[in-house]
PDB file of N, CA and C in Angstrom:
ATOM      1  N   MET A   1       6.464  18.073  43.824  1.00  0.00           N
ATOM      2  CA  MET A   1       6.540  19.646  43.707  1.00  0.00           C
ATOM      3  C   MET A   1       5.342  20.022  43.868  1.00  0.00           C
ATOM      4  N   ILE A   2       5.383  21.205  44.704  1.00  0.00           N
ATOM      5  CA  ILE A   2       4.081  21.790  45.158  1.00  0.00           C
ATOM      6  C   ILE A   2       3.751  22.953  43.972  1.00  0.00           C
ATOM      7  N   GLY A   3       2.449  22.867  43.705  1.00  0.00           N
ATOM      8  CA  GLY A   3       2.162  23.952  42.693  1.00  0.00           C
ATOM      9  C   GLY A   3       2.453  23.437  41.312  1.00  0.00           C
ATOM     10  N   THR A   4       2.675  21.952  41.058  1.00  0.00           N
ATOM     11  CA  THR A   4       2.892  21.695  39.491  1.00  0.00           C
ATOM     12  C   THR A   4       1.511  21.196  39.252  1.00  0.00           C
ATOM     13  N   LEU A   5       1.016  21.387  37.944  1.00  0.00           N
ATOM     14  CA  LEU A   5      -0.175  21.111  37.448  1.00  0.00           C
ATOM     15  C   LEU A   5       0.112  20.154  36.385  1.00  0.00           C
ATOM     16  N   ARG A   6      -0.487  18.819  36.401  1.00  0.00           N
ATOM     17  CA  ARG A   6      -0.289  17.843  35.403  1.00  0.00           C
ATOM     18  C   ARG A   6      -1.461  17.859  34.684  1.00  0.00           C
ATOM     19  N   ALA A   7      -1.213  17.647  33.321  1.00  0.00           N
ATOM     20  CA  ALA A   7      -2.554  17.653  32.487  1.00  0.00           C
ATOM     21  C   ALA A   7      -3.359  16.676  32.669  1.00  0.00           C
ATOM     22  N   SER A   8      -3.016  15.275  33.092  1.00  0.00           N
ATOM     23  CA  SER A   8      -3.723  14.300  33.164  1.00  0.00           C
ATOM     24  C   SER A   8      -4.506  14.535  34.527  1.00  0.00           C
ATOM     25  N   ASP A   9      -4.236  15.252  35.625  1.00  0.00           N
ATOM     26  CA  ASP A   9      -5.014  15.737  36.771  1.00  0.00           C
ATOM     27  C   ASP A   9      -6.149  16.588  36.356  1.00  0.00           C
ATOM     28  N   VAL A  10      -5.867  17.422  35.439  1.00  0.00           N
ATOM     29  CA  VAL A  10      -7.052  18.291  35.015  1.00  0.00           C
ATOM     30  C   VAL A  10      -8.030  17.744  34.061  1.00  0.00           C
ATOM     31  N   TYR A  11      -7.418  16.845  33.175  1.00  0.00           N
ATOM     32  CA  TYR A  11      -8.449  16.026  32.314  1.00  0.00           C
ATOM     33  C   TYR A  11      -9.235  15.225  33.484  1.00  0.00           C
ATOM     34  N   MET A  12      -8.847  14.609  34.222  1.00  0.00           N
ATOM     35  CA  MET A  12      -9.464  13.543  35.135  1.00  0.00           C
ATOM     36  C   MET A  12     -10.451  14.275  35.955  1.00  0.00           C
ATOM     37  N   ASP A  13     -10.173  15.606  36.207  1.00  0.00           N
ATOM     38  CA  ASP A  13     -11.061  16.606  37.271  1.00  0.00           C
ATOM     39  C   ASP A  13     -12.233  16.741  36.125  1.00  0.00           C
ATOM     40  N   MET A  14     -12.127  16.902  34.988  1.00  0.00           N
ATOM     41  CA  MET A  14     -13.285  17.225  34.016  1.00  0.00           C
ATOM     42  C   MET A  14     -13.917  15.879  33.889  1.00  0.00           C
ATOM     43  N   LEU A  15     -13.374  14.979  33.698  1.00  0.00           N
ATOM     44  CA  LEU A  15     -13.935  13.550  33.152  1.00  0.00           C
ATOM     45  C   LEU A  15     -14.780  12.751  34.376  1.00  0.00           C
ATOM     46  N   ARG A  16     -14.416  13.033  35.502  1.00  0.00           N
ATOM     47  CA  ARG A  16     -15.167  12.549  36.567  1.00  0.00           C
ATOM     48  C   ARG A  16     -16.722  12.633  36.401  1.00  0.00           C
ATOM     49  N   ALA A  17     -17.189  13.841  36.107  1.00  0.00           N
ATOM     50  CA  ALA A  17     -18.554  14.142  36.021  1.00  0.00           C
ATOM     51  C   ALA A  17     -19.194  13.354  34.800  1.00  0.00           C
ATOM     52  N   LEU A  18     -18.474  12.732  33.899  1.00  0.00           N
ATOM     53  CA  LEU A  18     -19.234  12.019  32.820  1.00  0.00           C
ATOM     54  C   LEU A  18     -19.794  10.669  33.299  1.00  0.00           C
ATOM     55  N   PRO A  19     -20.653  10.368  32.432  1.00  0.00           N
ATOM     56  CA  PRO A  19     -21.400   8.854  32.685  1.00  0.00           C
ATOM     57  C   PRO A  19     -20.353   7.886  32.114  1.00  0.00           C
ATOM     58  N   ASN A  20     -20.527   6.593  32.646  1.00  0.00           N
ATOM     59  CA  ASN A  20     -19.584   5.569  32.250  1.00  0.00           C
ATOM     60  C   ASN A  20     -19.540   5.252  30.774  1.00  0.00           C
ATOM     61  N   GLU A  21     -20.561   5.427  30.078  1.00  0.00           N
ATOM     62  CA  GLU A  21     -20.608   5.066  28.559  1.00  0.00           C
ATOM     63  C   GLU A  21     -19.794   6.086  27.860  1.00  0.00           C
ATOM     64  N   ASP A  22     -19.943   7.293  28.341  1.00  0.00           N
ATOM     65  CA  ASP A  22     -19.013   8.244  27.736  1.00  0.00           C
ATOM     66  C   ASP A  22     -17.669   8.108  27.913  1.00  0.00           C
ATOM     67  N   LYS A  23     -17.327   7.777  29.243  1.00  0.00           N
ATOM     68  CA  LYS A  23     -15.951   7.687  29.425  1.00  0.00           C
ATOM     69  C   LYS A  23     -15.471   6.243  28.421  1.00  0.00           C
ATOM     70  N   LEU A  24     -16.246   5.278  28.297  1.00  0.00           N
ATOM     71  CA  LEU A  24     -15.740   4.031  27.610  1.00  0.00           C
ATOM     72  C   LEU A  24     -15.501   4.630  25.976  1.00  0.00           C
ATOM     73  N   ASP A  25     -16.478   5.491  25.658  1.00  0.00           N
ATOM     74  CA  ASP A  25     -16.176   5.868  24.246  1.00  0.00           C
ATOM     75  C   ASP A  25     -14.981   6.561  24.084  1.00  0.00           C
ATOM     76  N   LEU A  26     -14.570   7.604  25.114  1.00  0.00           N
ATOM     77  CA  LEU A  26     -13.429   8.334  25.108  1.00  0.00           C
ATOM     78  C   LEU A  26     -12.124   7.358  24.969  1.00  0.00           C
ATOM     79  N   ILE A  27     -12.157   6.485  25.965  1.00  0.00           N
ATOM     80  CA  ILE A  27     -11.093   5.140  25.927  1.00  0.00           C
ATOM     81  C   ILE A  27     -11.019   4.890  24.399  1.00  0.00           C
ATOM     82  N   SER A  28     -12.017   4.184  23.878  1.00  0.00           N
ATOM     83  CA  SER A  28     -11.942   3.576  22.660  1.00  0.00           C
ATOM     84  C   SER A  28     -11.257   4.569  21.596  1.00  0.00           C
ATOM     85  N   GLU A  29     -11.682   5.812  21.701  1.00  0.00           N
ATOM     86  CA  GLU A  29     -11.077   6.799  20.729  1.00  0.00           C
ATOM     87  C   GLU A  29      -9.786   7.099  20.952  1.00  0.00           C
ATOM     88  N   LEU A  30      -9.272   7.092  22.247  1.00  0.00           N
ATOM     89  CA  LEU A  30      -7.906   7.239  22.497  1.00  0.00           C
ATOM     90  C   LEU A  30      -6.845   6.204  22.037  1.00  0.00           C
ATOM     91  N   VAL A  31      -7.604   4.986  22.314  1.00  0.00           N
ATOM     92  CA  VAL A  31      -6.851   3.577  21.809  1.00  0.00           C
ATOM     93  C   VAL A  31      -6.766   3.679  20.238  1.00  0.00           C
ATOM     94  N   LYS A  32      -7.783   4.054  19.559  1.00  0.00           N
ATOM     95  CA  LYS A  32      -7.592   4.090  18.073  1.00  0.00           C
ATOM     96  C   LYS A  32      -6.638   5.196  17.749  1.00  0.00           C
ATOM     97  N   SER A  33      -6.709   6.363  18.354  1.00  0.00           N
ATOM     98  CA  SER A  33      -5.698   7.309  17.850  1.00  0.00           C
ATOM     99  C   SER A  33      -4.268   6.771  18.196  1.00  0.00           C
ATOM    100  N   MET A  34      -4.104   6.228  19.461  1.00  0.00           N
ATOM    101  CA  MET A  34      -2.769   5.538  19.578  1.00  0.00           C
ATOM    102  C   MET A  34      -2.302   4.611  18.660  1.00  0.00           C
ATOM    103  N   LYS A  35      -3.090   3.650  18.181  1.00  0.00           N
ATOM    104  CA  LYS A  35      -2.904   2.742  17.168  1.00  0.00           C
ATOM    105  C   LYS A  35      -2.400   3.232  16.009  1.00  0.00           C
ATOM    106  N   LYS A  36      -3.038   4.272  15.588  1.00  0.00           N
ATOM    107  CA  LYS A  36      -2.524   5.101  14.293  1.00  0.00           C
ATOM    108  C   LYS A  36      -1.137   5.521  14.422  1.00  0.00           C
ATOM    109  N   ALA A  37      -0.896   6.160  15.482  1.00  0.00           N
ATOM    110  CA  ALA A  37       0.412   6.800  15.767  1.00  0.00           C
ATOM    111  C   ALA A  37       1.499   5.520  15.758  1.00  0.00           C
ATOM    112  N   VAL A  38       1.133   4.346  16.288  1.00  0.00           N
ATOM    113  CA  VAL A  38       2.375   3.440  16.557  1.00  0.00           C
ATOM    114  C   VAL A  38       2.075   2.262  15.409  1.00  0.00           C
ATOM    115  N   SER A  39       1.236   2.343  14.581  1.00  0.00           N
ATOM    116  CA  SER A  39       1.185   1.165  13.525  1.00  0.00           C
ATOM    117  C   SER A  39       2.476   0.795  12.834  1.00  0.00           C
ATOM    118  N   VAL A  40       2.416  -0.685  12.790  1.00  0.00           N
ATOM    119  CA  VAL A  40       3.688  -1.250  12.173  1.00  0.00           C
ATOM    120  C   VAL A  40       3.660  -1.298  10.542  1.00  0.00           C
ATOM    121  N   LYS A  41       4.795  -0.916  10.060  1.00  0.00           N
ATOM    122  CA  LYS A  41       4.874  -0.953   8.698  1.00  0.00           C
ATOM    123  C   LYS A  41       5.057  -2.304   8.210  1.00  0.00           C
ATOM    124  N   LYS A  42       4.247  -2.647   7.013  1.00  0.00           N
ATOM    125  CA  LYS A  42       4.232  -3.961   6.705  1.00  0.00           C
ATOM    126  C   LYS A  42       5.523  -4.225   5.709  1.00  0.00           C
ATOM    127  N   GLU A  43       6.025  -5.341   5.855  1.00  0.00           N
ATOM    128  CA  GLU A  43       7.376  -5.536   4.832  1.00  0.00           C
ATOM    129  C   GLU A  43       6.847  -6.129   3.650  1.00  0.00           C
ATOM    130  N   PRO A  44       7.196  -5.697   2.462  1.00  0.00           N
ATOM    131  CA  PRO A  44       6.879  -6.172   1.208  1.00  0.00           C
ATOM    132  C   PRO A  44       7.133  -7.935   1.366  1.00  0.00           C
ATOM    133  N   LYS A  45       6.137  -8.494   0.572  1.00  0.00           N
ATOM    134  CA  LYS A  45       6.408  -9.998   0.495  1.00  0.00           C
ATOM    135  C   LYS A  45       7.667 -10.510  -0.253  1.00  0.00           C
ATOM    136  N   ASP A  46       7.975  -9.688  -1.057  1.00  0.00           N
ATOM    137  CA  ASP A  46       9.158  -9.869  -2.278  1.00  0.00           C
ATOM    138  C   ASP A  46      10.436  -9.056  -1.431  1.00  0.00           C
ATOM    139  N   ILE A  47      11.385 -10.065  -1.083  1.00  0.00           N
ATOM    140  CA  ILE A  47      12.440  -9.228  -0.211  1.00  0.00           C
ATOM    141  C   ILE A  47      13.368  -8.269  -1.226  1.00  0.00           C
ATOM    142  N   PHE A  48      13.233  -8.356  -2.380  1.00  0.00           N
ATOM    143  CA  PHE A  48      14.031  -7.635  -3.191  1.00  0.00           C
ATOM    144  C   PHE A  48      13.164  -6.538  -3.797  1.00  0.00           C
ATOM    145  N   ALA A  49      11.774  -6.195  -3.439  1.00  0.00           N
ATOM    146  CA  ALA A  49      10.970  -5.179  -3.804  1.00  0.00           C
ATOM    147  C   ALA A  49      11.469  -3.982  -3.194  1.00  0.00           C
ATOM    148  N   ARG A  50      12.158  -3.859  -2.365  1.00  0.00           N
ATOM    149  CA  ARG A  50      12.537  -2.687  -1.610  1.00  0.00           C
ATOM    150  C   ARG A  50      13.694  -2.018  -2.504  1.00  0.00           C
ATOM    151  N   PHE A  51      14.335  -2.905  -3.470  1.00  0.00           N
ATOM    152  CA  PHE A  51      15.425  -2.387  -4.260  1.00  0.00           C
ATOM    153  C   PHE A  51      14.918  -1.903  -5.591  1.00  0.00           C
ATOM    154  N   SER A  52      13.824  -2.023  -5.881  1.00  0.00           N
ATOM    155  CA  SER A  52      13.100  -1.818  -7.370  1.00  0.00           C
ATOM    156  C   SER A  52      13.572  -0.429  -7.759  1.00  0.00           C
ATOM    157  N   GLY A  53      13.609   0.611  -7.078  1.00  0.00           N
ATOM    158  CA  GLY A  53      13.808   2.038  -7.491  1.00  0.00           C
ATOM    159  C   GLY A  53      15.199   2.412  -7.362  1.00  0.00           C
ATOM    160  N   ASP A  54      16.151   1.544  -6.834  1.00  0.00           N
ATOM    161  CA  ASP A  54      17.454   1.924  -6.652  1.00  0.00           C
ATOM    162  C   ASP A  54      18.352   2.016  -7.913  1.00  0.00           C
ATOM    163  N   TRP A  55      18.177   1.211  -8.924  1.00  0.00           N
ATOM    164  CA  TRP A  55      19.074   1.375 -10.072  1.00  0.00           C
ATOM    165  C   TRP A  55      18.179   1.220 -11.360  1.00  0.00           C
ATOM    166  N   GLY A  56      18.579   2.004 -12.323  1.00  0.00           N
ATOM    167  CA  GLY A  56      17.684   1.806 -13.513  1.00  0.00           C
ATOM    168  C   GLY A  56      16.360   2.452 -13.709  1.00  0.00           C
ATOM    169  N   GLY A  57      15.996   3.105 -12.709  1.00  0.00           N
ATOM    170  CA  GLY A  57      14.570   3.912 -12.614  1.00  0.00           C
ATOM    171  C   GLY A  57      13.470   2.930 -12.932  1.00  0.00           C
ATOM    172  N   ASP A  58      12.678   3.323 -14.108  1.00  0.00           N
ATOM    173  CA  ASP A  58      11.379   2.327 -14.388  1.00  0.00           C
ATOM    174  C   ASP A  58      11.930   1.303 -15.465  1.00  0.00           C
ATOM    175  N   MET A  59      13.264   1.063 -15.717  1.00  0.00           N
ATOM    176  CA  MET A  59      13.793   0.096 -16.704  1.00  0.00           C
ATOM    177  C   MET A  59      13.675  -1.257 -16.005  1.00  0.00           C
ATOM    178  N   SER A  60      13.026  -2.271 -16.888  1.00  0.00           N
ATOM    179  CA  SER A  60      13.102  -3.534 -16.496  1.00  0.00           C
ATOM    180  C   SER A  60      14.385  -4.282 -16.286  1.00  0.00           C
ATOM    181  N   THR A  61      14.349  -5.339 -15.654  1.00  0.00           N
ATOM    182  CA  THR A  61      15.635  -6.102 -14.968  1.00  0.00           C
ATOM    183  C   THR A  61      16.338  -6.430 -16.414  1.00  0.00           C
ATOM    184  N   GLU A  62      15.575  -7.020 -17.292  1.00  0.00           N
ATOM    185  CA  GLU A  62      16.221  -7.484 -18.565  1.00  0.00           C
ATOM    186  C   GLU A  62      16.909  -6.421 -19.287  1.00  0.00           C
ATOM    187  N   ASP A  63      16.165  -5.161 -19.504  1.00  0.00           N
ATOM    188  CA  ASP A  63      16.832  -4.064 -20.149  1.00  0.00           C
ATOM    189  C   ASP A  63      17.963  -3.326 -19.451  1.00  0.00           C
ATOM    190  N   TYR A  64      17.920  -3.528 -17.950  1.00  0.00           N
ATOM    191  CA  TYR A  64      18.890  -3.095 -17.413  1.00  0.00           C
ATOM    192  C   TYR A  64      20.306  -3.816 -17.541  1.00  0.00           C
ATOM    193  N   ALA A  65      19.992  -5.327 -17.281  1.00  0.00           N
ATOM    194  CA  ALA A  65      21.246  -6.271 -17.675  1.00  0.00           C
ATOM    195  C   ALA A  65      21.624  -5.939 -18.947  1.00  0.00           C
ATOM    196  N   ASP A  66      20.972  -5.712 -19.859  1.00  0.00           N
ATOM    197  CA  ASP A  66      21.618  -5.513 -21.485  1.00  0.00           C
ATOM    198  C   ASP A  66      22.160  -4.389 -21.430  1.00  0.00           C
ATOM    199  N   MET A  67      21.870  -3.185 -20.853  1.00  0.00           N
ATOM    200  CA  MET A  67      22.572  -1.990 -20.788  1.00  0.00           C
ATOM    201  C   MET A  67      23.970  -2.126 -20.329  1.00  0.00           C
ATOM    202  N   LEU A  68      23.847  -2.986 -19.005  1.00  0.00           N
ATOM    203  CA  LEU A  68      25.255  -3.074 -18.411  1.00  0.00           C
ATOM    204  C   LEU A  68      26.277  -3.883 -19.247  1.00  0.00           C
ATOM    205  N   ARG A  69      25.718  -4.903 -19.997  1.00  0.00           N
ATOM    206  CA  ARG A  69      26.378  -5.686 -20.955  1.00  0.00           C
ATOM    207  C   ARG A  69      27.073  -4.917 -22.065  1.00  0.00           C
ATOM    208  N   SER A  70      26.381  -3.978 -22.562  1.00  0.00           N
ATOM    209  CA  SER A  70      26.593  -3.254 -23.838  1.00  0.00           C
ATOM    210  C   SER A  70      27.602  -2.129 -23.536  1.00  0.00           C
ATOM    211  N   GLU A  71      27.849  -1.889 -22.249  1.00  0.00           N
ATOM    212  CA  GLU A  71      28.726  -0.557 -21.700  1.00  0.00           C
ATOM    213  C   GLU A  71      30.279  -1.202 -21.944  1.00  0.00           C
ATOM    214  N   ASN A  72      31.241  -0.218 -22.331  1.00  0.00           N
ATOM    215  CA  ASN A  72      32.438  -0.546 -22.330  1.00  0.00           C
ATOM    216  C   ASN A  72      32.842  -1.679 -23.386  1.00  0.00           C
ATOM    217  N   VAL A  73      32.390  -1.813 -24.356  1.00  0.00           N
ATOM    218  CA  VAL A  73      32.483  -2.820 -25.286  1.00  0.00           C
ATOM    219  C   VAL A  73      33.683  -2.527 -26.335  1.00  0.00           C
ATOM    220  N   GLU A  74      33.862  -1.072 -26.404  1.00  0.00           N
ATOM    221  CA  GLU A  74      34.934  -0.621 -27.339  1.00  0.00           C
ATOM    222  C   GLU A  74      36.419  -0.958 -26.799  1.00  0.00           C
ATOM    223  N   SER A  75      36.327  -0.997 -25.444  1.00  0.00           N
ATOM    224  CA  SER A  75      37.774  -1.118 -24.840  1.00  0.00           C
ATOM    225  C   SER A  75      38.020  -2.538 -24.213  1.00  0.00           C
ATOM    226  N   LYS A  76      38.275  -3.464 -25.168  1.00  0.00           N
ATOM    227  CA  LYS A  76      38.503  -4.772 -24.887  1.00  0.00           C
ATOM    228  C   LYS A  76      39.842  -4.819 -24.267  1.00  0.00           C
ATOM    229  N   ARG A  77      40.116  -6.045 -23.357  1.00  0.00           N
ATOM    230  CA  ARG A  77      41.410  -5.837 -22.809  1.00  0.00           C
ATOM    231  C   ARG A  77      41.963  -7.364 -23.204  1.00  0.00           C
ATOM    232  N   THR A  78      43.064  -7.525 -23.209  1.00  0.00           N
ATOM    233  CA  THR A  78      43.687  -8.890 -23.356  1.00  0.00           C
ATOM    234  C   THR A  78      43.979  -9.506 -22.348  1.00  0.00           C
ATOM    235  N   VAL A  79      43.610 -10.796 -22.019  1.00  0.00           N
ATOM    236  CA  VAL A  79      43.998 -11.400 -20.779  1.00  0.00           C
ATOM    237  C   VAL A  79      44.916 -12.528 -21.180  1.00  0.00           C
ATOM    238  N   GLU A  80      46.221 -12.620 -20.964  1.00  0.00           N
ATOM    239  CA  GLU A  80      47.160 -13.648 -21.335  1.00  0.00           C
ATOM    240  C   GLU A  80      47.056 -15.016 -20.459  1.00  0.00           C
ATOM    241  N   THR A  81      47.218 -16.026 -21.053  1.00  0.00           N
ATOM    242  CA  THR A  81      47.149 -17.138 -20.165  1.00  0.00           C
ATOM    243  C   THR A  81      48.472 -17.449 -19.383  1.00  0.00           C
ATOM    244  N   TRP A  82      48.417 -18.240 -18.476  1.00  0.00           N
ATOM    245  CA  TRP A  82      49.641 -18.287 -17.570  1.00  0.00           C
ATOM    246  C   TRP A  82      50.391 -19.250 -17.976  1.00  0.00           C
TER     247      TRP A  82
END
């Protein structure tokens, strides 16, 4: 396209006059900024750690299990043998 101005062309026109050391410094700074934007999130070592906040809030596993066991104890059902 005629008359289209690309940002990279404008930057390159400005950067051509810089000494090579300054260009290398700019390259390293650009790479650092890209690494920050694309950094990979680390998975927790414990595969169940991501579920810690799903149930029970800050309750320990034992306390949560006891709470589940204690619920609905008033309504017992009778299971007949076959």
